[in-house]
Amino acid sequence: MKLLIIALLVILAFGIFRFYRQRSYLKTLTEEEFIKGYRKAQLIDVREPQEFDRGHILGARNIPVTQLKQRLIELRKDKPVYLYCQSGSRSARAAQILHKKGYEDISQLKGGFKKWTGKIKTK
């Protein structure tokens, strides 16, 4: 029982550490903040292609988080990167990958695509 409690505390501490560490390199923007800057940024939808085809933010490029490491050549380090996924978890994972590869200006859409009320494009 004691071991279980210790394990849970370690997991909790690690989660809190990762949350605060992530906040040091990933900005989470409201829709209004996102709209203000995304035209000057590299707008990346990190969802899978079939999700992207069902609807995406106008002007977004689809680079699924599962392909991001192989497709880093498509992204510039000298321009801001705006990420979004369906809810925010995959864009946070993508931000972690980008941060490890030296990208510095990384933002994500708060609440993801499901909270987006702006213009969208479908295939």
PDB file of N, CA and C in Angstrom:
ATOM      1  N   MET A   1       0.829  -1.195   0.000  1.00  0.00           N
ATOM      2  CA  MET A   1       0.000   0.000   0.000  1.00  0.00           C
ATOM      3  C   MET A   1       0.874   1.261   0.000  1.00  0.00           C
ATOM      4  N   LYS A   2       1.912   1.255   0.851  1.00  0.00           N
ATOM      5  CA  LYS A   2       2.821   2.393   0.910  1.00  0.00           C
ATOM      6  C   LYS A   2       3.509   2.628  -0.440  1.00  0.00           C
ATOM      7  N   LEU A   3       3.894   1.527  -1.072  1.00  0.00           N
ATOM      8  CA  LEU A   3       4.569   1.599  -2.364  1.00  0.00           C
ATOM      9  C   LEU A   3       3.650   2.208  -3.424  1.00  0.00           C
ATOM     10  N   LEU A   4       2.382   1.837  -3.374  1.00  0.00           N
ATOM     11  CA  LEU A   4       1.407   2.373  -4.316  1.00  0.00           C
ATOM     12  C   LEU A   4       1.255   3.883  -4.141  1.00  0.00           C
ATOM     13  N   ILE A   5       1.175   4.344  -2.926  1.00  0.00           N
ATOM     14  CA  ILE A   5       1.041   5.773  -2.637  1.00  0.00           C
ATOM     15  C   ILE A   5       2.284   6.531  -3.126  1.00  0.00           C
ATOM     16  N   ILE A   6       3.455   5.969  -2.881  1.00  0.00           N
ATOM     17  CA  ILE A   6       4.700   6.594  -3.333  1.00  0.00           C
ATOM     18  C   ILE A   6       4.724   6.669  -4.858  1.00  0.00           C
ATOM     19  N   ALA A   7       4.324   5.577  -5.512  1.00  0.00           N
ATOM     20  CA  ALA A   7       4.298   5.550  -6.981  1.00  0.00           C
ATOM     21  C   ALA A   7       3.338   6.607  -7.522  1.00  0.00           C
ATOM     22  N   LEU A   8       2.167   6.731  -6.907  1.00  0.00           N
ATOM     23  CA  LEU A   8       1.196   7.736  -7.341  1.00  0.00           C
ATOM     24  C   LEU A   8       1.725   9.156  -7.150  1.00  0.00           C
ATOM     25  N   LEU A   9       2.415   9.388  -6.036  1.00  0.00           N
ATOM     26  CA  LEU A   9       2.993  10.707  -5.785  1.00  0.00           C
ATOM     27  C   LEU A   9       4.086  11.043  -6.803  1.00  0.00           C
ATOM     28  N   VAL A  10       4.891  10.058  -7.157  1.00  0.00           N
ATOM     29  CA  VAL A  10       5.940  10.269  -8.163  1.00  0.00           C
ATOM     30  C   VAL A  10       5.312  10.603  -9.516  1.00  0.00           C
ATOM     31  N   ILE A  11       4.282   9.866  -9.906  1.00  0.00           N
ATOM     32  CA  ILE A  11       3.588  10.118 -11.173  1.00  0.00           C
ATOM     33  C   ILE A  11       2.968  11.512 -11.169  1.00  0.00           C
ATOM     34  N   LEU A  12       2.341  11.880 -10.076  1.00  0.00           N
ATOM     35  CA  LEU A  12       1.730  13.203  -9.949  1.00  0.00           C
ATOM     36  C   LEU A  12       2.787  14.305 -10.035  1.00  0.00           C
ATOM     37  N   ALA A  13       3.894  14.140  -9.333  1.00  0.00           N
ATOM     38  CA  ALA A  13       4.972  15.135  -9.346  1.00  0.00           C
ATOM     39  C   ALA A  13       5.554  15.285 -10.754  1.00  0.00           C
ATOM     40  N   PHE A  14       5.728  14.168 -11.443  1.00  0.00           N
ATOM     41  CA  PHE A  14       6.256  14.200 -12.806  1.00  0.00           C
ATOM     42  C   PHE A  14       5.286  14.932 -13.734  1.00  0.00           C
ATOM     43  N   GLY A  15       4.008  14.674 -13.588  1.00  0.00           N
ATOM     44  CA  GLY A  15       2.994  15.348 -14.400  1.00  0.00           C
ATOM     45  C   GLY A  15       2.985  16.851 -14.176  1.00  0.00           C
ATOM     46  N   ILE A  16       3.088  17.264 -12.930  1.00  0.00           N
ATOM     47  CA  ILE A  16       3.124  18.689 -12.597  1.00  0.00           C
ATOM     48  C   ILE A  16       4.387  19.333 -13.177  1.00  0.00           C
ATOM     49  N   PHE A  17       5.515  18.641 -13.030  1.00  0.00           N
ATOM     50  CA  PHE A  17       6.784  19.128 -13.584  1.00  0.00           C
ATOM     51  C   PHE A  17       6.672  19.330 -15.090  1.00  0.00           C
ATOM     52  N   ARG A  18       6.146  18.340 -15.813  1.00  0.00           N
ATOM     53  CA  ARG A  18       6.010  18.424 -17.273  1.00  0.00           C
ATOM     54  C   ARG A  18       5.082  19.562 -17.680  1.00  0.00           C
ATOM     55  N   PHE A  19       3.991  19.740 -16.915  1.00  0.00           N
ATOM     56  CA  PHE A  19       3.031  20.809 -17.212  1.00  0.00           C
ATOM     57  C   PHE A  19       3.712  22.174 -17.146  1.00  0.00           C
ATOM     58  N   TYR A  20       4.441  22.439 -16.057  1.00  0.00           N
ATOM     59  CA  TYR A  20       5.096  23.734 -15.904  1.00  0.00           C
ATOM     60  C   TYR A  20       6.264  23.909 -16.866  1.00  0.00           C
ATOM     61  N   ARG A  21       6.982  22.833 -17.151  1.00  0.00           N
ATOM     62  CA  ARG A  21       8.088  22.896 -18.110  1.00  0.00           C
ATOM     63  C   ARG A  21       7.540  23.224 -19.503  1.00  0.00           C
ATOM     64  N   GLN A  22       6.419  22.590 -19.858  1.00  0.00           N
ATOM     65  CA  GLN A  22       5.813  22.825 -21.172  1.00  0.00           C
ATOM     66  C   GLN A  22       5.368  24.281 -21.315  1.00  0.00           C
ATOM     67  N   ARG A  23       4.884  24.840 -20.241  1.00  0.00           N
ATOM     68  CA  ARG A  23       4.423  26.230 -20.293  1.00  0.00           C
ATOM     69  C   ARG A  23       5.566  27.198 -20.584  1.00  0.00           C
ATOM     70  N   SER A  24       6.810  26.768 -20.346  1.00  0.00           N
ATOM     71  CA  SER A  24       7.956  27.639 -20.606  1.00  0.00           C
ATOM     72  C   SER A  24       8.242  27.775 -22.106  1.00  0.00           C
ATOM     73  N   TYR A  25       7.804  26.823 -22.921  1.00  0.00           N
ATOM     74  CA  TYR A  25       8.080  26.903 -24.366  1.00  0.00           C
ATOM     75  C   TYR A  25       6.838  26.853 -25.244  1.00  0.00           C
ATOM     76  N   LEU A  26       5.667  26.602 -24.685  1.00  0.00           N
ATOM     77  CA  LEU A  26       4.440  26.509 -25.475  1.00  0.00           C
ATOM     78  C   LEU A  26       3.415  27.510 -24.970  1.00  0.00           C
ATOM     79  N   LYS A  27       3.032  28.440 -25.867  1.00  0.00           N
ATOM     80  CA  LYS A  27       1.993  29.402 -25.520  1.00  0.00           C
ATOM     81  C   LYS A  27       0.635  28.819 -25.934  1.00  0.00           C
ATOM     82  N   THR A  28      -0.323  28.858 -25.027  1.00  0.00           N
ATOM     83  CA  THR A  28      -1.679  28.429 -25.357  1.00  0.00           C
ATOM     84  C   THR A  28      -2.508  29.694 -25.568  1.00  0.00           C
ATOM     85  N   LEU A  29      -3.030  29.839 -26.787  1.00  0.00           N
ATOM     86  CA  LEU A  29      -3.721  31.063 -27.178  1.00  0.00           C
ATOM     87  C   LEU A  29      -5.227  30.869 -27.281  1.00  0.00           C
ATOM     88  N   THR A  30      -5.968  31.887 -26.884  1.00  0.00           N
ATOM     89  CA  THR A  30      -7.416  31.869 -27.093  1.00  0.00           C
ATOM     90  C   THR A  30      -7.660  32.003 -28.600  1.00  0.00           C
ATOM     91  N   GLU A  31      -8.873  31.762 -29.025  1.00  0.00           N
ATOM     92  CA  GLU A  31      -9.189  31.879 -30.449  1.00  0.00           C
ATOM     93  C   GLU A  31      -8.871  33.283 -30.966  1.00  0.00           C
ATOM     94  N   GLU A  32      -9.189  34.307 -30.193  1.00  0.00           N
ATOM     95  CA  GLU A  32      -8.930  35.683 -30.621  1.00  0.00           C
ATOM     96  C   GLU A  32      -7.433  35.921 -30.798  1.00  0.00           C
ATOM     97  N   GLU A  33      -6.625  35.476 -29.844  1.00  0.00           N
ATOM     98  CA  GLU A  33      -5.169  35.626 -29.937  1.00  0.00           C
ATOM     99  C   GLU A  33      -4.618  34.836 -31.120  1.00  0.00           C
ATOM    100  N   PHE A  34      -5.164  33.646 -31.315  1.00  0.00           N
ATOM    101  CA  PHE A  34      -4.741  32.769 -32.413  1.00  0.00           C
ATOM    102  C   PHE A  34      -5.008  33.445 -33.758  1.00  0.00           C
ATOM    103  N   ILE A  35      -6.208  34.018 -33.910  1.00  0.00           N
ATOM    104  CA  ILE A  35      -6.599  34.688 -35.151  1.00  0.00           C
ATOM    105  C   ILE A  35      -5.672  35.873 -35.447  1.00  0.00           C
ATOM    106  N   LYS A  36      -5.282  36.616 -34.406  1.00  0.00           N
ATOM    107  CA  LYS A  36      -4.407  37.781 -34.596  1.00  0.00           C
ATOM    108  C   LYS A  36      -3.064  37.407 -35.220  1.00  0.00           C
ATOM    109  N   GLY A  37      -2.536  36.227 -34.902  1.00  0.00           N
ATOM    110  CA  GLY A  37      -1.191  35.913 -35.338  1.00  0.00           C
ATOM    111  C   GLY A  37      -1.018  34.800 -36.348  1.00  0.00           C
ATOM    112  N   TYR A  38      -2.042  34.013 -36.610  1.00  0.00           N
ATOM    113  CA  TYR A  38      -1.808  32.810 -37.412  1.00  0.00           C
ATOM    114  C   TYR A  38      -1.495  33.069 -38.881  1.00  0.00           C
ATOM    115  N   ARG A  39      -1.864  34.216 -39.414  1.00  0.00           N
ATOM    116  CA  ARG A  39      -1.552  34.498 -40.824  1.00  0.00           C
ATOM    117  C   ARG A  39      -0.052  34.774 -41.028  1.00  0.00           C
ATOM    118  N   LYS A  40       0.629  35.210 -39.973  1.00  0.00           N
ATOM    119  CA  LYS A  40       2.069  35.469 -40.052  1.00  0.00           C
ATOM    120  C   LYS A  40       2.879  34.244 -39.633  1.00  0.00           C
ATOM    121  N   ALA A  41       2.197  33.208 -39.209  1.00  0.00           N
ATOM    122  CA  ALA A  41       2.864  32.015 -38.679  1.00  0.00           C
ATOM    123  C   ALA A  41       2.719  30.837 -39.640  1.00  0.00           C
ATOM    124  N   GLN A  42       3.376  29.757 -39.292  1.00  0.00           N
ATOM    125  CA  GLN A  42       3.206  28.490 -39.998  1.00  0.00           C
ATOM    126  C   GLN A  42       2.063  27.779 -39.275  1.00  0.00           C
ATOM    127  N   LEU A  43       0.912  27.699 -39.903  1.00  0.00           N
ATOM    128  CA  LEU A  43      -0.286  27.122 -39.288  1.00  0.00           C
ATOM    129  C   LEU A  43      -0.335  25.632 -39.596  1.00  0.00           C
ATOM    130  N   ILE A  44      -0.194  24.810 -38.565  1.00  0.00           N
ATOM    131  CA  ILE A  44      -0.084  23.368 -38.748  1.00  0.00           C
ATOM    132  C   ILE A  44      -1.192  22.634 -37.998  1.00  0.00           C
ATOM    133  N   ASP A  45      -1.937  21.841 -38.746  1.00  0.00           N
ATOM    134  CA  ASP A  45      -2.958  20.946 -38.193  1.00  0.00           C
ATOM    135  C   ASP A  45      -2.270  19.594 -37.991  1.00  0.00           C
ATOM    136  N   VAL A  46      -2.155  19.146 -36.750  1.00  0.00           N
ATOM    137  CA  VAL A  46      -1.418  17.905 -36.467  1.00  0.00           C
ATOM    138  C   VAL A  46      -2.331  16.681 -36.374  1.00  0.00           C
ATOM    139  N   ARG A  47      -3.586  16.830 -36.818  1.00  0.00           N
ATOM    140  CA  ARG A  47      -4.500  15.687 -36.821  1.00  0.00           C
ATOM    141  C   ARG A  47      -4.206  14.796 -38.025  1.00  0.00           C
ATOM    142  N   GLU A  48      -4.842  13.651 -38.076  1.00  0.00           N
ATOM    143  CA  GLU A  48      -4.656  12.708 -39.181  1.00  0.00           C
ATOM    144  C   GLU A  48      -5.363  13.240 -40.441  1.00  0.00           C
ATOM    145  N   PRO A  49      -4.906  12.829 -41.648  1.00  0.00           N
ATOM    146  CA  PRO A  49      -5.467  13.367 -42.901  1.00  0.00           C
ATOM    147  C   PRO A  49      -6.990  13.271 -43.020  1.00  0.00           C
ATOM    148  N   GLN A  50      -7.587  12.170 -42.570  1.00  0.00           N
ATOM    149  CA  GLN A  50      -9.048  12.058 -42.697  1.00  0.00           C
ATOM    150  C   GLN A  50      -9.765  13.085 -41.817  1.00  0.00           C
ATOM    151  N   GLU A  51      -9.191  13.432 -40.662  1.00  0.00           N
ATOM    152  CA  GLU A  51      -9.773  14.472 -39.811  1.00  0.00           C
ATOM    153  C   GLU A  51      -9.623  15.831 -40.488  1.00  0.00           C
ATOM    154  N   PHE A  52      -8.451  16.077 -41.050  1.00  0.00           N
ATOM    155  CA  PHE A  52      -8.154  17.325 -41.764  1.00  0.00           C
ATOM    156  C   PHE A  52      -9.133  17.523 -42.919  1.00  0.00           C
ATOM    157  N   ASP A  53      -9.385  16.452 -43.682  1.00  0.00           N
ATOM    158  CA  ASP A  53     -10.283  16.535 -44.835  1.00  0.00           C
ATOM    159  C   ASP A  53     -11.724  16.855 -44.438  1.00  0.00           C
ATOM    160  N   ARG A  54     -12.137  16.418 -43.243  1.00  0.00           N
ATOM    161  CA  ARG A  54     -13.505  16.690 -42.779  1.00  0.00           C
ATOM    162  C   ARG A  54     -13.698  18.155 -42.402  1.00  0.00           C
ATOM    163  N   GLY A  55     -12.587  18.871 -42.197  1.00  0.00           N
ATOM    164  CA  GLY A  55     -12.668  20.290 -41.874  1.00  0.00           C
ATOM    165  C   GLY A  55     -11.412  20.754 -41.170  1.00  0.00           C
ATOM    166  N   HIS A  56     -10.883  21.899 -41.620  1.00  0.00           N
ATOM    167  CA  HIS A  56      -9.687  22.457 -41.002  1.00  0.00           C
ATOM    168  C   HIS A  56      -9.730  23.983 -41.108  1.00  0.00           C
ATOM    169  N   ILE A  57      -8.868  24.634 -40.325  1.00  0.00           N
ATOM    170  CA  ILE A  57      -8.785  26.091 -40.354  1.00  0.00           C
ATOM    171  C   ILE A  57      -8.225  26.513 -41.705  1.00  0.00           C
ATOM    172  N   LEU A  58      -8.859  27.493 -42.301  1.00  0.00           N
ATOM    173  CA  LEU A  58      -8.455  28.008 -43.598  1.00  0.00           C
ATOM    174  C   LEU A  58      -6.980  28.415 -43.564  1.00  0.00           C
ATOM    175  N   GLY A  59      -6.189  27.868 -44.491  1.00  0.00           N
ATOM    176  CA  GLY A  59      -4.768  28.191 -44.573  1.00  0.00           C
ATOM    177  C   GLY A  59      -3.847  27.225 -43.848  1.00  0.00           C
ATOM    178  N   ALA A  60      -4.414  26.242 -43.169  1.00  0.00           N
ATOM    179  CA  ALA A  60      -3.594  25.285 -42.408  1.00  0.00           C
ATOM    180  C   ALA A  60      -2.975  24.228 -43.320  1.00  0.00           C
ATOM    181  N   ARG A  61      -1.789  23.771 -42.928  1.00  0.00           N
ATOM    182  CA  ARG A  61      -1.149  22.626 -43.580  1.00  0.00           C
ATOM    183  C   ARG A  61      -1.313  21.431 -42.655  1.00  0.00           C
ATOM    184  N   ASN A  62      -1.486  20.278 -43.234  1.00  0.00           N
ATOM    185  CA  ASN A  62      -1.659  19.054 -42.446  1.00  0.00           C
ATOM    186  C   ASN A  62      -0.330  18.305 -42.335  1.00  0.00           C
ATOM    187  N   ILE A  63       0.216  18.296 -41.121  1.00  0.00           N
ATOM    188  CA  ILE A  63       1.388  17.481 -40.803  1.00  0.00           C
ATOM    189  C   ILE A  63       1.024  16.721 -39.526  1.00  0.00           C
ATOM    190  N   PRO A  64       0.508  15.495 -39.673  1.00  0.00           N
ATOM    191  CA  PRO A  64       0.099  14.732 -38.489  1.00  0.00           C
ATOM    192  C   PRO A  64       1.254  14.562 -37.503  1.00  0.00           C
ATOM    193  N   VAL A  65       0.938  14.590 -36.223  1.00  0.00           N
ATOM    194  CA  VAL A  65       1.965  14.441 -35.189  1.00  0.00           C
ATOM    195  C   VAL A  65       2.739  13.134 -35.385  1.00  0.00           C
ATOM    196  N   THR A  66       2.083  12.120 -35.952  1.00  0.00           N
ATOM    197  CA  THR A  66       2.728  10.826 -36.191  1.00  0.00           C
ATOM    198  C   THR A  66       3.799  10.913 -37.282  1.00  0.00           C
ATOM    199  N   GLN A  67       3.765  11.963 -38.113  1.00  0.00           N
ATOM    200  CA  GLN A  67       4.741  12.136 -39.200  1.00  0.00           C
ATOM    201  C   GLN A  67       5.684  13.313 -38.961  1.00  0.00           C
ATOM    202  N   LEU A  68       5.498  14.020 -37.866  1.00  0.00           N
ATOM    203  CA  LEU A  68       6.204  15.277 -37.644  1.00  0.00           C
ATOM    204  C   LEU A  68       7.728  15.140 -37.688  1.00  0.00           C
ATOM    205  N   LYS A  69       8.279  14.156 -37.029  1.00  0.00           N
ATOM    206  CA  LYS A  69       9.741  13.997 -37.001  1.00  0.00           C
ATOM    207  C   LYS A  69      10.311  13.817 -38.406  1.00  0.00           C
ATOM    208  N   GLN A  70       9.585  13.103 -39.271  1.00  0.00           N
ATOM    209  CA  GLN A  70      10.052  12.865 -40.636  1.00  0.00           C
ATOM    210  C   GLN A  70       9.861  14.086 -41.537  1.00  0.00           C
ATOM    211  N   ARG A  71       8.984  14.998 -41.139  1.00  0.00           N
ATOM    212  CA  ARG A  71       8.637  16.130 -42.008  1.00  0.00           C
ATOM    213  C   ARG A  71       9.104  17.486 -41.466  1.00  0.00           C
ATOM    214  N   LEU A  72      10.033  17.477 -40.524  1.00  0.00           N
ATOM    215  CA  LEU A  72      10.532  18.729 -39.944  1.00  0.00           C
ATOM    216  C   LEU A  72      11.132  19.663 -40.991  1.00  0.00           C
ATOM    217  N   ILE A  73      11.638  19.120 -42.067  1.00  0.00           N
ATOM    218  CA  ILE A  73      12.232  19.927 -43.136  1.00  0.00           C
ATOM    219  C   ILE A  73      11.224  20.921 -43.713  1.00  0.00           C
ATOM    220  N   GLU A  74       9.931  20.637 -43.547  1.00  0.00           N
ATOM    221  CA  GLU A  74       8.877  21.503 -44.084  1.00  0.00           C
ATOM    222  C   GLU A  74       8.617  22.739 -43.216  1.00  0.00           C
ATOM    223  N   LEU A  75       9.220  22.774 -42.024  1.00  0.00           N
ATOM    224  CA  LEU A  75       8.976  23.879 -41.089  1.00  0.00           C
ATOM    225  C   LEU A  75      10.229  24.729 -40.903  1.00  0.00           C
ATOM    226  N   ARG A  76      10.033  26.025 -40.830  1.00  0.00           N
ATOM    227  CA  ARG A  76      11.136  26.958 -40.603  1.00  0.00           C
ATOM    228  C   ARG A  76      11.250  27.278 -39.121  1.00  0.00           C
ATOM    229  N   LYS A  77      12.491  27.364 -38.633  1.00  0.00           N
ATOM    230  CA  LYS A  77      12.726  27.700 -37.226  1.00  0.00           C
ATOM    231  C   LYS A  77      12.632  29.200 -36.973  1.00  0.00           C
ATOM    232  N   ASP A  78      12.743  30.012 -38.035  1.00  0.00           N
ATOM    233  CA  ASP A  78      12.746  31.467 -37.868  1.00  0.00           C
ATOM    234  C   ASP A  78      11.351  32.095 -37.948  1.00  0.00           C
ATOM    235  N   LYS A  79      10.325  31.279 -38.084  1.00  0.00           N
ATOM    236  CA  LYS A  79       8.954  31.785 -38.107  1.00  0.00           C
ATOM    237  C   LYS A  79       8.140  31.110 -37.008  1.00  0.00           C
ATOM    238  N   PRO A  80       7.161  31.827 -36.438  1.00  0.00           N
ATOM    239  CA  PRO A  80       6.323  31.198 -35.410  1.00  0.00           C
ATOM    240  C   PRO A  80       5.580  29.977 -35.962  1.00  0.00           C
ATOM    241  N   VAL A  81       5.362  28.997 -35.093  1.00  0.00           N
ATOM    242  CA  VAL A  81       4.598  27.805 -35.458  1.00  0.00           C
ATOM    243  C   VAL A  81       3.326  27.800 -34.614  1.00  0.00           C
ATOM    244  N   TYR A  82       2.176  27.787 -35.290  1.00  0.00           N
ATOM    245  CA  TYR A  82       0.879  27.706 -34.625  1.00  0.00           C
ATOM    246  C   TYR A  82       0.330  26.312 -34.876  1.00  0.00           C
ATOM    247  N   LEU A  83       0.078  25.597 -33.802  1.00  0.00           N
ATOM    248  CA  LEU A  83      -0.386  24.216 -33.879  1.00  0.00           C
ATOM    249  C   LEU A  83      -1.821  24.103 -33.390  1.00  0.00           C
ATOM    250  N   TYR A  84      -2.514  23.123 -33.938  1.00  0.00           N
ATOM    251  CA  TYR A  84      -3.795  22.736 -33.349  1.00  0.00           C
ATOM    252  C   TYR A  84      -4.093  21.291 -33.725  1.00  0.00           C
ATOM    253  N   CYS A  85      -4.905  20.672 -32.878  1.00  0.00           N
ATOM    254  CA  CYS A  85      -5.418  19.325 -33.148  1.00  0.00           C
ATOM    255  C   CYS A  85      -6.900  19.360 -32.793  1.00  0.00           C
ATOM    256  N   GLN A  86      -7.490  18.239 -32.470  1.00  0.00           N
ATOM    257  CA  GLN A  86      -8.917  18.231 -32.152  1.00  0.00           C
ATOM    258  C   GLN A  86      -9.199  18.900 -30.809  1.00  0.00           C
ATOM    259  N   SER A  87      -8.379  18.562 -29.782  1.00  0.00           N
ATOM    260  CA  SER A  87      -8.674  19.090 -28.447  1.00  0.00           C
ATOM    261  C   SER A  87      -7.478  19.743 -27.753  1.00  0.00           C
ATOM    262  N   GLY A  88      -6.268  19.459 -28.184  1.00  0.00           N
ATOM    263  CA  GLY A  88      -5.090  20.073 -27.574  1.00  0.00           C
ATOM    264  C   GLY A  88      -3.997  19.117 -27.148  1.00  0.00           C
ATOM    265  N   SER A  89      -4.309  17.825 -27.010  1.00  0.00           N
ATOM    266  CA  SER A  89      -3.285  16.892 -26.523  1.00  0.00           C
ATOM    267  C   SER A  89      -2.235  16.570 -27.583  1.00  0.00           C
ATOM    268  N   ARG A  90      -2.647  16.387 -28.824  1.00  0.00           N
ATOM    269  CA  ARG A  90      -1.671  16.087 -29.890  1.00  0.00           C
ATOM    270  C   ARG A  90      -0.823  17.308 -30.239  1.00  0.00           C
ATOM    271  N   SER A  91      -1.422  18.497 -30.177  1.00  0.00           N
ATOM    272  CA  SER A  91      -0.622  19.688 -30.463  1.00  0.00           C
ATOM    273  C   SER A  91       0.415  19.909 -29.363  1.00  0.00           C
ATOM    274  N   ALA A  92       0.096  19.556 -28.132  1.00  0.00           N
ATOM    275  CA  ALA A  92       1.082  19.640 -27.045  1.00  0.00           C
ATOM    276  C   ALA A  92       2.218  18.651 -27.283  1.00  0.00           C
ATOM    277  N   ARG A  93       1.890  17.462 -27.763  1.00  0.00           N
ATOM    278  CA  ARG A  93       2.913  16.460 -28.082  1.00  0.00           C
ATOM    279  C   ARG A  93       3.781  16.953 -29.242  1.00  0.00           C
ATOM    280  N   ALA A  94       3.163  17.553 -30.241  1.00  0.00           N
ATOM    281  CA  ALA A  94       3.902  18.096 -31.386  1.00  0.00           C
ATOM    282  C   ALA A  94       4.831  19.226 -30.926  1.00  0.00           C
ATOM    283  N   ALA A  95       4.345  20.059 -30.023  1.00  0.00           N
ATOM    284  CA  ALA A  95       5.169  21.159 -29.503  1.00  0.00           C
ATOM    285  C   ALA A  95       6.405  20.635 -28.789  1.00  0.00           C
ATOM    286  N   GLN A  96       6.226  19.550 -28.060  1.00  0.00           N
ATOM    287  CA  GLN A  96       7.355  18.931 -27.351  1.00  0.00           C
ATOM    288  C   GLN A  96       8.417  18.463 -28.352  1.00  0.00           C
ATOM    289  N   ILE A  97       7.981  17.845 -29.438  1.00  0.00           N
ATOM    290  CA  ILE A  97       8.900  17.385 -30.489  1.00  0.00           C
ATOM    291  C   ILE A  97       9.636  18.587 -31.092  1.00  0.00           C
ATOM    292  N   LEU A  98       8.885  19.638 -31.430  1.00  0.00           N
ATOM    293  CA  LEU A  98       9.488  20.823 -32.038  1.00  0.00           C
ATOM    294  C   LEU A  98      10.475  21.494 -31.088  1.00  0.00           C
ATOM    295  N   HIS A  99      10.109  21.599 -29.825  1.00  0.00           N
ATOM    296  CA  HIS A  99      10.986  22.204 -28.826  1.00  0.00           C
ATOM    297  C   HIS A  99      12.312  21.446 -28.730  1.00  0.00           C
ATOM    298  N   LYS A 100      12.243  20.127 -28.714  1.00  0.00           N
ATOM    299  CA  LYS A 100      13.458  19.308 -28.649  1.00  0.00           C
ATOM    300  C   LYS A 100      14.335  19.496 -29.883  1.00  0.00           C
ATOM    301  N   LYS A 101      13.729  19.885 -31.015  1.00  0.00           N
ATOM    302  CA  LYS A 101      14.476  20.074 -32.259  1.00  0.00           C
ATOM    303  C   LYS A 101      14.908  21.530 -32.464  1.00  0.00           C
ATOM    304  N   GLY A 102      14.705  22.363 -31.451  1.00  0.00           N
ATOM    305  CA  GLY A 102      15.223  23.726 -31.508  1.00  0.00           C
ATOM    306  C   GLY A 102      14.253  24.813 -31.940  1.00  0.00           C
ATOM    307  N   TYR A 103      12.997  24.500 -32.118  1.00  0.00           N
ATOM    308  CA  TYR A 103      11.998  25.522 -32.447  1.00  0.00           C
ATOM    309  C   TYR A 103      11.668  26.282 -31.170  1.00  0.00           C
ATOM    310  N   GLU A 104      11.530  27.611 -31.294  1.00  0.00           N
ATOM    311  CA  GLU A 104      11.347  28.422 -30.092  1.00  0.00           C
ATOM    312  C   GLU A 104       9.996  29.112 -29.986  1.00  0.00           C
ATOM    313  N   ASP A 105       9.425  29.565 -31.089  1.00  0.00           N
ATOM    314  CA  ASP A 105       8.164  30.317 -31.050  1.00  0.00           C
ATOM    315  C   ASP A 105       7.010  29.378 -31.412  1.00  0.00           C
ATOM    316  N   ILE A 106       6.488  28.687 -30.395  1.00  0.00           N
ATOM    317  CA  ILE A 106       5.463  27.659 -30.605  1.00  0.00           C
ATOM    318  C   ILE A 106       4.200  28.034 -29.826  1.00  0.00           C
ATOM    319  N   SER A 107       3.074  27.996 -30.518  1.00  0.00           N
ATOM    320  CA  SER A 107       1.787  28.292 -29.881  1.00  0.00           C
ATOM    321  C   SER A 107       0.777  27.225 -30.272  1.00  0.00           C
ATOM    322  N   GLN A 108      -0.219  27.036 -29.407  1.00  0.00           N
ATOM    323  CA  GLN A 108      -1.305  26.109 -29.725  1.00  0.00           C
ATOM    324  C   GLN A 108      -2.638  26.781 -29.454  1.00  0.00           C
ATOM    325  N   LEU A 109      -3.663  26.301 -30.156  1.00  0.00           N
ATOM    326  CA  LEU A 109      -5.018  26.817 -30.008  1.00  0.00           C
ATOM    327  C   LEU A 109      -5.676  26.191 -28.785  1.00  0.00           C
ATOM    328  N   LYS A 110      -6.095  27.044 -27.859  1.00  0.00           N
ATOM    329  CA  LYS A 110      -6.766  26.568 -26.644  1.00  0.00           C
ATOM    330  C   LYS A 110      -8.069  25.860 -27.015  1.00  0.00           C
ATOM    331  N   GLY A 111      -8.222  24.621 -26.552  1.00  0.00           N
ATOM    332  CA  GLY A 111      -9.434  23.857 -26.819  1.00  0.00           C
ATOM    333  C   GLY A 111      -9.439  23.129 -28.148  1.00  0.00           C
ATOM    334  N   GLY A 112      -8.462  23.435 -29.008  1.00  0.00           N
ATOM    335  CA  GLY A 112      -8.336  22.744 -30.292  1.00  0.00           C
ATOM    336  C   GLY A 112      -9.416  23.104 -31.297  1.00  0.00           C
ATOM    337  N   PHE A 113      -9.442  22.334 -32.380  1.00  0.00           N
ATOM    338  CA  PHE A 113     -10.357  22.593 -33.497  1.00  0.00           C
ATOM    339  C   PHE A 113     -11.824  22.495 -33.079  1.00  0.00           C
ATOM    340  N   LYS A 114     -12.114  21.638 -32.123  1.00  0.00           N
ATOM    341  CA  LYS A 114     -13.524  21.483 -31.733  1.00  0.00           C
ATOM    342  C   LYS A 114     -14.097  22.748 -31.096  1.00  0.00           C
ATOM    343  N   LYS A 115     -13.231  23.658 -30.614  1.00  0.00           N
ATOM    344  CA  LYS A 115     -13.695  24.928 -30.039  1.00  0.00           C
ATOM    345  C   LYS A 115     -13.610  26.082 -31.047  1.00  0.00           C
ATOM    346  N   TRP A 116     -13.068  25.814 -32.238  1.00  0.00           N
ATOM    347  CA  TRP A 116     -12.871  26.848 -33.251  1.00  0.00           C
ATOM    348  C   TRP A 116     -14.207  27.303 -33.833  1.00  0.00           C
ATOM    349  N   THR A 117     -14.394  28.626 -33.928  1.00  0.00           N
ATOM    350  CA  THR A 117     -15.625  29.166 -34.512  1.00  0.00           C
ATOM    351  C   THR A 117     -15.341  29.988 -35.767  1.00  0.00           C
ATOM    352  N   GLY A 118     -14.067  30.096 -36.147  1.00  0.00           N
ATOM    353  CA  GLY A 118     -13.679  30.876 -37.333  1.00  0.00           C
ATOM    354  C   GLY A 118     -13.925  30.114 -38.621  1.00  0.00           C
ATOM    355  N   LYS A 119     -13.360  30.655 -39.708  1.00  0.00           N
ATOM    356  CA  LYS A 119     -13.547  30.052 -41.032  1.00  0.00           C
ATOM    357  C   LYS A 119     -12.882  28.691 -41.114  1.00  0.00           C
ATOM    358  N   ILE A 120     -13.565  27.777 -41.802  1.00  0.00           N
ATOM    359  CA  ILE A 120     -12.998  26.441 -42.026  1.00  0.00           C
ATOM    360  C   ILE A 120     -13.136  26.067 -43.504  1.00  0.00           C
ATOM    361  N   LYS A 121     -12.350  25.082 -43.893  1.00  0.00           N
ATOM    362  CA  LYS A 121     -12.415  24.548 -45.250  1.00  0.00           C
ATOM    363  C   LYS A 121     -12.586  23.046 -45.143  1.00  0.00           C
ATOM    364  N   THR A 122     -13.410  22.485 -46.013  1.00  0.00           N
ATOM    365  CA  THR A 122     -13.586  21.036 -46.059  1.00  0.00           C
ATOM    366  C   THR A 122     -13.264  20.545 -47.459  1.00  0.00           C
ATOM    367  N   LYS A 123     -12.933  19.271 -47.573  1.00  0.00           N
ATOM    368  CA  LYS A 123     -12.650  18.695 -48.892  1.00  0.00           C
ATOM    369  C   LYS A 123     -13.874  17.977 -49.415  1.00  0.00           C
TER     370      LYS A 123
END
